[in-house]
Amino acid sequence: MRSPITSFRPVDSTIYWIREGQMPLLGIAVGNFVDPTFPTPTMEVHIEMRHGWVAPVVGAEQLGNVHGT
């Protein structure tokens, strides 16, 4: 599998990443935006890695390890 394509801001924060392959994926790090009207996520990935103090997004589809590793 090829490494994901990423885009960085000058402060070295990842803004988005693109994973190519059998199941292409575009991820956007919405925490980098200051927009209270930004839509609520509809899907959460790698929920097994979520910190205990982070609550699930109500109504979002909860996915485990989608990479199969």
N, C-alpha and C. Protein backbone atom coordinates (compact mmCIF):
# COMPACT_ATOMS: atom_id res chain seq x y z
N MET A 1 0.84 -1.18 0.00
CA MET A 1 0.00 0.00 0.00
C MET A 1 0.89 1.24 0.00
N ARG A 2 0.54 2.19 -0.83
CA ARG A 2 1.29 3.44 -0.89
C ARG A 2 0.99 4.29 0.33
N SER A 3 1.94 5.14 0.68
CA SER A 3 1.73 6.06 1.80
C SER A 3 0.66 7.08 1.43
N PRO A 4 -0.11 7.54 2.44
CA PRO A 4 -1.13 8.54 2.14
C PRO A 4 -0.51 9.86 1.70
N ILE A 5 -1.22 10.59 0.87
CA ILE A 5 -0.82 11.93 0.46
C ILE A 5 -1.35 12.88 1.52
N THR A 6 -0.51 13.76 2.04
CA THR A 6 -0.96 14.68 3.08
C THR A 6 -0.67 16.12 2.69
N SER A 7 -1.34 17.04 3.35
CA SER A 7 -1.10 18.46 3.15
C SER A 7 -0.89 19.09 4.52
N PHE A 8 0.17 19.87 4.66
CA PHE A 8 0.50 20.48 5.94
C PHE A 8 0.35 21.99 5.90
N ARG A 9 -0.03 22.55 7.03
CA ARG A 9 -0.05 24.00 7.20
C ARG A 9 1.34 24.41 7.66
N PRO A 10 1.65 25.72 7.64
CA PRO A 10 2.97 26.17 8.09
C PRO A 10 3.29 25.76 9.53
N VAL A 11 2.28 25.50 10.34
CA VAL A 11 2.52 25.10 11.73
C VAL A 11 2.61 23.58 11.85
N ASP A 12 2.75 22.89 10.74
CA ASP A 12 2.91 21.43 10.69
C ASP A 12 1.71 20.64 11.17
N SER A 13 0.53 21.15 10.96
CA SER A 13 -0.70 20.40 11.25
C SER A 13 -1.20 19.82 9.94
N THR A 14 -1.61 18.55 9.98
CA THR A 14 -2.17 17.93 8.79
C THR A 14 -3.58 18.46 8.57
N ILE A 15 -3.85 18.98 7.39
CA ILE A 15 -5.17 19.50 7.04
C ILE A 15 -6.02 18.39 6.43
N TYR A 16 -5.44 17.65 5.50
CA TYR A 16 -6.18 16.55 4.88
C TYR A 16 -5.21 15.47 4.44
N TRP A 17 -5.73 14.31 4.19
CA TRP A 17 -4.93 13.23 3.66
C TRP A 17 -5.78 12.43 2.69
N ILE A 18 -5.11 11.86 1.71
CA ILE A 18 -5.78 11.06 0.68
C ILE A 18 -5.12 9.69 0.68
N ARG A 19 -5.93 8.66 0.83
CA ARG A 19 -5.42 7.30 0.75
C ARG A 19 -5.95 6.70 -0.54
N GLU A 20 -5.03 6.20 -1.36
CA GLU A 20 -5.42 5.58 -2.61
C GLU A 20 -5.42 4.07 -2.45
N GLY A 21 -6.00 3.38 -3.39
CA GLY A 21 -5.99 1.93 -3.35
C GLY A 21 -7.38 1.36 -3.52
N GLN A 22 -7.58 0.15 -2.98
CA GLN A 22 -8.84 -0.55 -3.14
C GLN A 22 -10.01 0.24 -2.55
N MET A 23 -9.77 0.90 -1.43
CA MET A 23 -10.81 1.68 -0.78
C MET A 23 -10.31 3.11 -0.59
N PRO A 24 -10.37 3.95 -1.64
CA PRO A 24 -9.85 5.31 -1.55
C PRO A 24 -10.56 6.09 -0.44
N LEU A 25 -9.84 7.00 0.17
CA LEU A 25 -10.38 7.75 1.30
C LEU A 25 -9.79 9.15 1.32
N LEU A 26 -10.61 10.14 1.54
CA LEU A 26 -10.17 11.52 1.75
C LEU A 26 -10.55 11.87 3.17
N GLY A 27 -9.57 12.23 3.99
CA GLY A 27 -9.83 12.61 5.37
C GLY A 27 -9.52 14.08 5.57
N ILE A 28 -10.35 14.77 6.32
CA ILE A 28 -10.16 16.19 6.61
C ILE A 28 -10.14 16.37 8.12
N ALA A 29 -9.09 17.00 8.62
CA ALA A 29 -8.97 17.26 10.06
C ALA A 29 -9.75 18.54 10.38
N VAL A 30 -11.01 18.38 10.72
CA VAL A 30 -11.87 19.55 10.93
C VAL A 30 -11.49 20.36 12.16
N GLY A 31 -10.71 19.79 13.06
CA GLY A 31 -10.26 20.54 14.23
C GLY A 31 -9.37 21.71 13.88
N ASN A 32 -8.89 21.78 12.65
CA ASN A 32 -8.05 22.89 12.21
C ASN A 32 -8.87 24.10 11.76
N PHE A 33 -10.18 23.95 11.70
CA PHE A 33 -11.02 25.03 11.22
C PHE A 33 -11.77 25.68 12.38
N VAL A 34 -11.91 26.98 12.32
CA VAL A 34 -12.69 27.69 13.33
C VAL A 34 -14.00 28.09 12.66
N ASP A 35 -14.90 27.13 12.60
CA ASP A 35 -16.19 27.36 11.96
C ASP A 35 -17.26 26.60 12.73
N PRO A 36 -18.00 27.29 13.60
CA PRO A 36 -19.01 26.60 14.40
C PRO A 36 -20.15 26.03 13.57
N THR A 37 -20.25 26.38 12.30
CA THR A 37 -21.31 25.85 11.45
C THR A 37 -20.84 24.64 10.65
N PHE A 38 -19.59 24.20 10.86
CA PHE A 38 -19.08 23.04 10.14
C PHE A 38 -19.95 21.84 10.47
N PRO A 39 -20.37 21.06 9.49
CA PRO A 39 -21.28 19.93 9.75
C PRO A 39 -20.69 18.91 10.72
N THR A 40 -21.54 18.30 11.51
CA THR A 40 -21.14 17.24 12.43
C THR A 40 -20.67 16.03 11.61
N PRO A 41 -19.62 15.35 12.05
CA PRO A 41 -19.17 14.16 11.33
C PRO A 41 -20.27 13.10 11.25
N THR A 42 -20.27 12.37 10.15
CA THR A 42 -21.25 11.30 9.96
C THR A 42 -20.61 9.93 10.15
N MET A 43 -19.28 9.89 10.28
CA MET A 43 -18.55 8.64 10.40
C MET A 43 -17.32 8.87 11.28
N GLU A 44 -17.03 7.91 12.15
CA GLU A 44 -15.80 7.93 12.94
C GLU A 44 -15.04 6.65 12.64
N VAL A 45 -13.73 6.78 12.38
CA VAL A 45 -12.89 5.65 12.01
C VAL A 45 -11.86 5.42 13.11
N HIS A 46 -11.43 4.19 13.26
CA HIS A 46 -10.43 3.79 14.27
C HIS A 46 -10.93 4.10 15.67
N ILE A 47 -12.18 3.76 15.94
CA ILE A 47 -12.75 4.07 17.26
C ILE A 47 -12.04 3.32 18.38
N GLU A 48 -11.35 2.23 18.06
CA GLU A 48 -10.63 1.48 19.09
C GLU A 48 -9.44 2.27 19.62
N MET A 49 -9.05 3.34 18.93
CA MET A 49 -7.93 4.17 19.36
C MET A 49 -8.38 5.45 20.07
N ARG A 50 -9.68 5.62 20.23
CA ARG A 50 -10.22 6.83 20.86
C ARG A 50 -9.82 6.89 22.33
N HIS A 51 -9.40 8.05 22.79
CA HIS A 51 -9.11 8.24 24.21
C HIS A 51 -10.39 8.10 25.01
N GLY A 52 -10.29 7.63 26.24
CA GLY A 52 -11.44 7.42 27.09
C GLY A 52 -12.22 8.68 27.39
N TRP A 53 -11.55 9.83 27.33
CA TRP A 53 -12.22 11.10 27.64
C TRP A 53 -12.88 11.74 26.43
N VAL A 54 -12.77 11.08 25.26
CA VAL A 54 -13.41 11.60 24.04
C VAL A 54 -14.71 10.84 23.82
N ALA A 55 -15.81 11.56 23.79
CA ALA A 55 -17.13 10.94 23.61
C ALA A 55 -17.38 10.67 22.13
N PRO A 56 -18.09 9.58 21.80
CA PRO A 56 -18.47 9.33 20.42
C PRO A 56 -19.39 10.44 19.89
N VAL A 57 -19.33 10.67 18.60
CA VAL A 57 -20.23 11.64 17.97
C VAL A 57 -21.61 11.00 17.86
N VAL A 58 -22.59 11.63 18.46
CA VAL A 58 -23.96 11.09 18.45
C VAL A 58 -24.46 11.00 17.01
N GLY A 59 -24.94 9.82 16.62
CA GLY A 59 -25.49 9.62 15.28
C GLY A 59 -24.48 9.27 14.21
N ALA A 60 -23.17 9.32 14.53
CA ALA A 60 -22.15 9.00 13.53
C ALA A 60 -21.95 7.49 13.45
N GLU A 61 -21.68 7.00 12.26
CA GLU A 61 -21.37 5.59 12.07
C GLU A 61 -20.01 5.31 12.73
N GLN A 62 -19.94 4.28 13.55
CA GLN A 62 -18.72 3.95 14.29
C GLN A 62 -18.01 2.80 13.59
N LEU A 63 -16.83 3.08 13.03
CA LEU A 63 -16.06 2.05 12.32
C LEU A 63 -14.80 1.72 13.09
N GLY A 64 -14.43 0.47 13.08
CA GLY A 64 -13.19 0.04 13.72
C GLY A 64 -12.03 0.23 12.76
N ASN A 65 -11.10 -0.68 12.80
CA ASN A 65 -9.90 -0.62 11.97
C ASN A 65 -10.27 -0.95 10.53
N VAL A 66 -10.37 0.05 9.68
CA VAL A 66 -10.78 -0.16 8.29
C VAL A 66 -9.63 -0.61 7.40
N HIS A 67 -8.40 -0.56 7.91
CA HIS A 67 -7.24 -0.94 7.10
C HIS A 67 -6.94 -2.42 7.20
N GLY A 68 -7.54 -3.13 8.14
CA GLY A 68 -7.31 -4.55 8.28
C GLY A 68 -5.96 -4.91 8.84
N THR A 69 -5.33 -3.97 9.57
CA THR A 69 -4.03 -4.27 10.16
C THR A 69 -4.13 -4.48 11.63
